[in-house]
């Protein structure tokens, strides 16, 4: 009798342990499958454990992949912010460096210190900081010159390779819109704007069951152009996060962008940050109403059919704005437009 009772007790304990284990596994699995984006670097936010600074970096977890999109402006600040959010940069599927501006790539040295072999995608430019190559036929030759006056003694290699400021990094250069893994593409476009003309920039487009999830860095080629390219993959643009580079744009230009995104491309949700600009934050919030998502530093946005941030805050408060303005006045985003744009930023 006592043996029977002991058996029943052990069976009950074992069943409870198995149920608990299954529940834990199920919870962990569900968490792992949650599509989300976490802002690791920006100039506004409320997480006291993180440092605000001008620049952008985000962790994108979607379609079973963990992607670091850009690395911010300062390796020490990136390190602090990553640790504050408990992000393990040794467990990444790949990294996207959107473009060569310092406020997007300067934290790269910290990333390499913890994950030196990680796969990195960067834009291919003729003589870019990420490295490049060109066929030697790109330059004119003069066979009448003596060998000592000719490049490579008159016999150049067929392909001339150029170095990178990140030696040893596992960088793959992208020169056109490319699907890098199933359902995940890098959009490669070139800016035609004054101050950034010929700058190539990558944006991240993930094709999901709910439509395109688009992560942009600075949108130097124009947010409308980037969205138009994303729409060739899937015309349903579900969600956009990142910087729109409208920090000093005037109201008519801002309203045009807001209207185009909402009415023409019918974007479901929008979560702007970085160089989007204060007036643009306000205009997009008016246009998208409760489909505008706050995306300050430290915010985690759960994606899916109805994206939502962990925080309920919908707009920048005055403390955010003061910090944002101070950092904006020092940033590449205005300095690449010349002294007039710097002056405009400082007087706002």
Protein backbone atom coordinates (compact mmCIF):
# COMPACT_ATOMS: atom_id res chain seq x y z
CA UNK A 1 0.00 0.00 0.00
CA UNK A 2 2.77 2.39 0.99
CA UNK A 3 4.65 1.51 -2.23
CA UNK A 4 1.52 2.26 -4.27
CA UNK A 5 1.08 5.66 -2.60
CA UNK A 6 4.77 6.47 -3.18
CA UNK A 7 4.43 5.55 -6.87
CA UNK A 8 1.34 7.75 -7.28
CA UNK A 9 3.12 10.65 -5.54
CA UNK A 10 6.20 10.33 -7.75
CA UNK A 11 4.03 10.11 -10.86
CA UNK A 12 2.20 13.27 -9.85
CA UNK A 13 5.46 15.13 -9.20
CA UNK A 14 6.88 13.91 -12.50
CA UNK A 15 3.77 15.01 -14.40
CA UNK A 16 3.86 18.42 -12.77
CA UNK A 17 7.56 18.79 -13.66
CA UNK A 18 6.89 17.78 -17.26
CA UNK A 19 3.99 20.21 -17.57
CA UNK A 20 6.09 22.98 -16.09
CA UNK A 21 8.98 22.16 -18.39
CA UNK A 22 6.71 22.14 -21.44
CA UNK A 23 5.16 25.44 -20.43
CA UNK A 24 8.59 27.00 -19.97
CA UNK A 25 9.78 25.64 -23.31
CA UNK A 26 6.62 26.87 -25.01
CA UNK A 27 7.00 30.32 -23.45
CA UNK A 28 10.67 30.53 -24.45
CA UNK A 29 9.85 29.37 -27.96
CA UNK A 30 7.07 31.93 -28.30
CA UNK A 31 9.37 34.68 -27.06
CA UNK A 32 12.08 33.62 -29.49
CA UNK A 33 9.58 33.75 -32.37
CA UNK A 34 8.26 37.21 -31.53
CA UNK A 35 9.17 39.65 -34.29
CA UNK A 36 10.48 42.87 -32.78
CA UNK A 37 12.82 45.79 -33.15
CA UNK A 38 14.74 47.33 -30.25
CA UNK A 39 16.21 50.83 -30.57
CA UNK A 40 19.77 50.74 -29.20
CA UNK A 41 21.00 54.18 -30.24
CA UNK A 42 19.15 57.48 -30.67
CA UNK A 43 18.97 61.03 -29.31
CA UNK A 44 15.62 60.74 -27.49
CA UNK A 45 14.21 58.22 -25.05
CA UNK A 46 13.38 57.63 -21.40
CA UNK A 47 15.46 54.62 -20.35
CA UNK A 48 17.66 56.02 -17.56
CA UNK A 49 20.13 53.16 -17.94
CA UNK A 50 20.90 54.16 -21.53
CA UNK A 51 22.79 57.15 -22.95
CA UNK A 52 21.18 59.34 -25.59
CA UNK A 53 23.45 60.38 -28.46
CA UNK A 54 23.06 61.39 -32.08
CA UNK A 55 23.12 58.31 -34.27
CA UNK A 56 21.16 55.14 -34.90
CA UNK A 57 21.36 51.44 -34.17
CA UNK A 58 18.62 48.85 -33.78
CA UNK A 59 18.34 45.13 -33.17
CA UNK A 60 15.86 43.51 -35.54
CA UNK A 61 14.57 40.05 -34.59
CA UNK A 62 12.35 38.70 -37.33
CA UNK A 63 11.86 35.66 -39.59
CA UNK A 64 14.09 33.67 -37.23
CA UNK A 65 17.02 36.08 -37.70
CA UNK A 66 18.79 38.47 -35.32
CA UNK A 67 20.09 41.48 -37.26
CA UNK A 68 22.03 44.49 -35.98
CA UNK A 69 21.17 47.48 -38.13
CA UNK A 70 23.90 50.15 -37.80
CA UNK A 71 26.11 50.79 -34.75
CA UNK A 72 25.64 54.43 -33.69
CA UNK A 73 28.25 57.13 -33.22
CA UNK A 74 30.32 56.05 -30.20
CA UNK A 75 31.56 52.55 -29.31
CA UNK A 76 31.44 53.19 -25.55
CA UNK A 77 27.84 54.40 -25.72
CA UNK A 78 26.83 51.48 -27.93
CA UNK A 79 28.45 49.08 -25.43
CA UNK A 80 26.60 50.69 -22.52
CA UNK A 81 23.24 50.69 -24.27
CA UNK A 82 23.57 47.11 -25.49
CA UNK A 83 24.38 45.91 -21.98
CA UNK A 84 21.52 47.94 -20.50
CA UNK A 85 19.07 46.11 -22.79
CA UNK A 86 20.70 42.71 -22.22
CA UNK A 87 21.48 42.28 -25.92
CA UNK A 88 24.06 39.62 -26.76
CA UNK A 89 25.98 40.79 -29.84
CA UNK A 90 27.79 37.46 -30.08
CA UNK A 91 24.51 35.96 -31.27
CA UNK A 92 23.78 37.75 -34.51
CA UNK A 93 22.99 36.30 -37.90
CA UNK A 94 24.39 39.35 -39.64
CA UNK A 95 24.93 43.11 -39.45
CA UNK A 96 23.88 45.88 -41.84
CA UNK A 97 25.95 49.05 -42.06
CA UNK A 98 23.65 51.36 -43.97
CA UNK A 99 26.11 54.04 -45.13
CA UNK A 100 29.46 55.60 -44.35
CA UNK A 101 28.43 58.46 -42.02
CA UNK A 102 30.06 58.35 -38.61
CA UNK A 103 26.82 58.43 -36.61
CA UNK A 104 25.95 55.03 -38.09
CA UNK A 105 29.28 53.20 -38.18
CA UNK A 106 31.49 54.54 -35.37
CA UNK A 107 30.27 51.97 -32.86
CA UNK A 108 31.50 49.22 -35.19
CA UNK A 109 34.78 48.78 -33.30
CA UNK A 110 32.86 47.63 -30.21
CA UNK A 111 30.88 45.13 -32.26
CA UNK A 112 34.08 43.69 -33.74
CA UNK A 113 35.64 43.42 -30.28
CA UNK A 114 32.88 41.02 -29.19
CA UNK A 115 32.01 39.37 -32.50
CA UNK A 116 34.95 39.73 -34.92
CA UNK A 117 33.74 37.18 -37.50
CA UNK A 118 30.13 38.28 -37.84
CA UNK A 119 28.81 38.66 -41.39
CA UNK A 120 28.46 42.33 -42.36
CA UNK A 121 26.65 43.84 -45.32
CA UNK A 122 27.63 47.34 -46.46
CA UNK A 123 27.11 49.46 -49.58
CA UNK A 124 29.61 49.14 -52.41
CA UNK A 125 31.11 52.47 -53.45
CA UNK A 126 33.96 53.17 -55.85
CA UNK A 127 36.45 54.10 -53.14
CA UNK A 128 34.43 53.42 -49.99
CA UNK A 129 35.46 53.00 -46.36
CA UNK A 130 34.07 49.46 -46.46
CA UNK A 131 36.48 48.44 -49.22
CA UNK A 132 35.83 48.05 -52.91
CA UNK A 133 37.22 46.98 -56.27
CA UNK A 134 37.24 48.29 -59.81
CA UNK A 135 38.31 46.86 -63.16
CA UNK A 136 41.65 48.39 -64.16
CA UNK A 137 40.15 49.41 -67.49
CA UNK A 138 38.39 52.27 -65.64
CA UNK A 139 41.35 54.57 -66.28
CA UNK A 140 42.84 55.72 -69.61
CA UNK A 141 46.24 54.35 -70.55
CA UNK A 142 49.11 55.68 -72.59
CA UNK A 143 51.35 52.95 -73.94
CA UNK A 144 53.90 55.51 -75.22
CA UNK A 145 55.05 56.34 -71.68
CA UNK A 146 58.04 54.53 -70.17
CA UNK A 147 57.12 51.79 -67.71
CA UNK A 148 58.27 53.81 -64.70
CA UNK A 149 55.66 56.46 -65.50
CA UNK A 150 52.80 54.01 -65.88
CA UNK A 151 50.52 52.64 -63.16
CA UNK A 152 51.69 49.17 -62.14
CA UNK A 153 54.50 49.45 -64.71
CA UNK A 154 51.94 49.29 -67.49
CA UNK A 155 50.51 45.90 -66.44
CA UNK A 156 47.80 46.53 -63.85
CA UNK A 157 45.78 43.67 -62.34
CA UNK A 158 42.50 43.00 -64.09
CA UNK A 159 40.66 43.89 -60.88
CA UNK A 160 42.07 46.59 -58.61
CA UNK A 161 41.13 46.01 -54.96
CA UNK A 162 40.91 48.83 -52.44
CA UNK A 163 41.24 48.65 -48.70
CA UNK A 164 38.81 49.23 -45.85
CA UNK A 165 39.06 51.10 -42.57
CA UNK A 166 37.81 47.87 -40.96
CA UNK A 167 40.62 45.39 -41.78
CA UNK A 168 39.77 41.80 -41.00
CA UNK A 169 36.02 42.40 -40.88
CA UNK A 170 33.85 39.93 -42.78
CA UNK A 171 32.25 42.49 -45.10
CA UNK A 172 30.16 41.72 -48.18
CA UNK A 173 29.48 44.71 -50.41
CA UNK A 174 26.02 45.28 -51.90
CA UNK A 175 25.61 47.37 -55.06
CA UNK A 176 21.96 46.70 -55.95
CA UNK A 177 18.77 45.61 -54.22
CA UNK A 178 19.48 42.04 -53.16
CA UNK A 179 17.61 39.29 -51.32
CA UNK A 180 20.31 38.08 -48.92
CA UNK A 181 18.26 35.30 -47.28
CA UNK A 182 14.71 34.13 -47.99
CA UNK A 183 12.31 36.99 -47.37
CA UNK A 184 14.99 39.49 -46.28
CA UNK A 185 16.33 42.02 -48.78
CA UNK A 186 18.72 44.96 -48.73
CA UNK A 187 17.57 47.94 -50.77
CA UNK A 188 20.53 49.79 -52.30
CA UNK A 189 19.83 53.31 -53.56
CA UNK A 190 21.93 56.41 -54.22
CA UNK A 191 21.27 59.90 -52.90
CA UNK A 192 20.79 62.74 -55.36
CA UNK A 193 20.37 65.40 -52.66
CA UNK A 194 22.79 68.33 -52.25
CA UNK A 195 25.42 67.53 -49.64
CA UNK A 196 25.04 63.74 -50.00
CA UNK A 197 25.04 63.36 -53.78
CA UNK A 198 26.24 59.90 -54.88
CA UNK A 199 26.04 58.54 -51.32
CA UNK A 200 24.86 54.93 -51.46
CA UNK A 201 22.64 53.72 -48.63
CA UNK A 202 21.21 50.35 -47.66
CA UNK A 203 17.76 49.83 -46.13
CA UNK A 204 16.43 46.58 -44.70
CA UNK A 205 13.18 45.13 -46.11
CA UNK A 206 11.60 42.01 -44.59
CA UNK A 207 8.69 40.41 -46.42
CA UNK A 208 6.28 39.07 -43.79
CA UNK A 209 2.76 37.66 -43.80
CA UNK A 210 1.57 41.13 -42.78
CA UNK A 211 3.51 42.97 -45.50
CA UNK A 212 6.92 44.65 -45.74
CA UNK A 213 8.70 45.60 -42.53
CA UNK A 214 11.12 48.35 -43.58
CA UNK A 215 14.02 49.63 -41.46
CA UNK A 216 15.72 52.76 -42.78
CA UNK A 217 18.82 54.53 -41.51
CA UNK A 218 18.87 58.13 -42.77
CA UNK A 219 16.92 57.87 -46.02
CA UNK A 220 19.39 60.06 -47.90
CA UNK A 221 18.07 58.72 -51.24
CA UNK A 222 14.60 59.89 -50.10
CA UNK A 223 12.12 57.95 -47.97
CA UNK A 224 9.61 57.97 -50.83
CA UNK A 225 12.17 56.41 -53.19
CA UNK A 226 13.06 53.75 -50.62
CA UNK A 227 9.40 52.87 -50.05
CA UNK A 228 8.80 52.73 -53.81
CA UNK A 229 11.65 50.22 -54.15
CA UNK A 230 10.33 48.18 -51.20
CA UNK A 231 6.91 48.13 -52.87
CA UNK A 232 8.41 46.25 -55.83
CA UNK A 233 9.03 43.37 -53.41
CA UNK A 234 5.56 43.59 -51.89
CA UNK A 235 3.21 46.56 -52.45
CA UNK A 236 1.82 46.19 -48.93
CA UNK A 237 4.12 48.26 -46.67
CA UNK A 238 3.19 47.22 -43.15
CA UNK A 239 5.71 49.01 -40.94
CA UNK A 240 8.53 51.55 -41.26
CA UNK A 241 11.09 52.40 -38.57
CA UNK A 242 14.19 54.62 -38.58
CA UNK A 243 15.35 58.01 -39.82
CA UNK A 244 13.72 59.97 -42.66
CA UNK A 245 16.33 62.78 -42.92
CA UNK A 246 13.86 65.63 -42.69
CA UNK A 247 15.48 67.39 -39.71
CA UNK A 248 15.52 70.80 -41.39
CA UNK A 249 12.85 70.26 -44.05
CA UNK A 250 10.14 72.89 -44.40
CA UNK A 251 6.47 72.14 -43.72
CA UNK A 252 5.34 71.67 -47.36
CA UNK A 253 8.01 69.01 -47.95
CA UNK A 254 7.16 67.30 -44.68
CA UNK A 255 3.43 67.26 -45.42
CA UNK A 256 4.11 65.83 -48.88
CA UNK A 257 6.07 62.93 -47.39
CA UNK A 258 3.46 62.26 -44.70
CA UNK A 259 0.64 62.29 -47.26
CA UNK A 260 2.51 60.09 -49.72
CA UNK A 261 3.33 57.47 -47.10
CA UNK A 262 -0.22 57.45 -45.74
CA UNK A 263 -2.36 57.92 -48.85
CA UNK A 264 -0.27 56.66 -51.77
CA UNK A 265 1.64 53.76 -50.20
CA UNK A 266 -0.94 53.17 -47.45
CA UNK A 267 1.70 52.33 -44.85
CA UNK A 268 0.04 50.57 -41.90
CA UNK A 269 2.33 51.68 -39.07
CA UNK A 270 5.20 54.11 -38.70
CA UNK A 271 7.87 54.40 -35.99
CA UNK A 272 10.21 57.26 -36.92
CA UNK A 273 13.41 58.16 -35.10
CA UNK A 274 16.91 59.62 -35.50
CA UNK A 275 17.08 62.27 -38.28
CA UNK A 276 13.36 62.36 -39.00
CA UNK A 277 13.12 65.73 -37.24
CA UNK A 278 10.77 67.26 -34.66
CA UNK A 279 8.28 68.89 -37.08
CA UNK A 280 8.16 65.61 -39.01
CA UNK A 281 7.47 63.63 -35.83
CA UNK A 282 4.52 65.96 -35.23
CA UNK A 283 3.24 65.78 -38.82
CA UNK A 284 3.47 62.00 -38.98
CA UNK A 285 1.71 61.69 -35.64
CA UNK A 286 -1.15 63.84 -36.92
CA UNK A 287 -1.37 61.86 -40.14
CA UNK A 288 -1.05 58.34 -38.74
CA UNK A 289 -2.81 58.94 -35.38
CA UNK A 290 -2.74 55.71 -33.33
CA UNK A 291 -0.73 54.01 -36.08
CA UNK A 292 2.20 56.26 -35.16
CA UNK A 293 4.46 54.39 -32.72
CA UNK A 294 6.89 56.03 -30.32
CA UNK A 295 10.40 54.65 -30.98
CA UNK A 296 12.75 56.41 -28.57
CA UNK A 297 16.01 54.96 -27.27
CA UNK A 298 15.39 51.68 -25.46
CA UNK A 299 11.94 51.10 -26.94
CA UNK A 300 11.13 47.57 -28.07
CA UNK A 301 8.45 47.43 -30.74
CA UNK A 302 6.69 44.09 -31.08
CA UNK A 303 5.84 43.59 -34.73
CA UNK A 304 3.17 41.43 -36.31
CA UNK A 305 -0.34 42.32 -37.42
CA UNK A 306 -0.70 45.06 -34.78
CA UNK A 307 2.76 46.44 -33.86
CA UNK A 308 3.02 48.09 -30.47
CA UNK A 309 5.77 49.49 -28.25
CA UNK A 310 6.43 48.33 -24.71
CA UNK A 311 6.01 52.00 -23.74
CA UNK A 312 2.69 53.77 -24.22
CA UNK A 313 4.36 57.14 -24.86
CA UNK A 314 3.30 58.60 -28.20
CA UNK A 315 5.50 61.66 -28.64
CA UNK A 316 8.61 63.46 -27.47
CA UNK A 317 8.31 65.51 -24.27
CA UNK A 318 10.23 68.73 -23.62
CA UNK A 319 13.20 66.89 -22.07
CA UNK A 320 13.50 64.73 -25.18
CA UNK A 321 13.31 67.81 -27.38
CA UNK A 322 16.09 69.68 -25.56
CA UNK A 323 18.43 66.70 -25.85
CA UNK A 324 17.45 66.09 -29.46
CA UNK A 325 18.16 69.70 -30.47
CA UNK A 326 21.55 69.80 -28.73
CA UNK A 327 22.71 66.58 -30.39
CA UNK A 328 21.29 67.59 -33.76
CA UNK A 329 23.44 70.74 -33.81
CA UNK A 330 26.58 68.54 -33.62
CA UNK A 331 25.53 65.84 -36.05
CA UNK A 332 26.63 64.69 -39.50
CA UNK A 333 23.01 64.91 -40.59
CA UNK A 334 23.15 68.69 -40.65
CA UNK A 335 26.86 69.22 -41.22
CA UNK A 336 26.80 67.43 -44.57
CA UNK A 337 24.39 70.11 -45.76
CA UNK A 338 26.73 73.02 -45.07
CA UNK A 339 26.81 76.00 -42.68
CA UNK A 340 23.35 77.24 -43.62
CA UNK A 341 21.75 74.01 -42.46
CA UNK A 342 23.81 73.99 -39.26
CA UNK A 343 22.52 77.50 -38.53
CA UNK A 344 18.93 76.42 -39.15
CA UNK A 345 19.32 73.50 -36.76
CA UNK A 346 20.85 75.65 -34.02
CA UNK A 347 18.05 78.21 -34.17
CA UNK A 348 15.16 75.75 -33.90
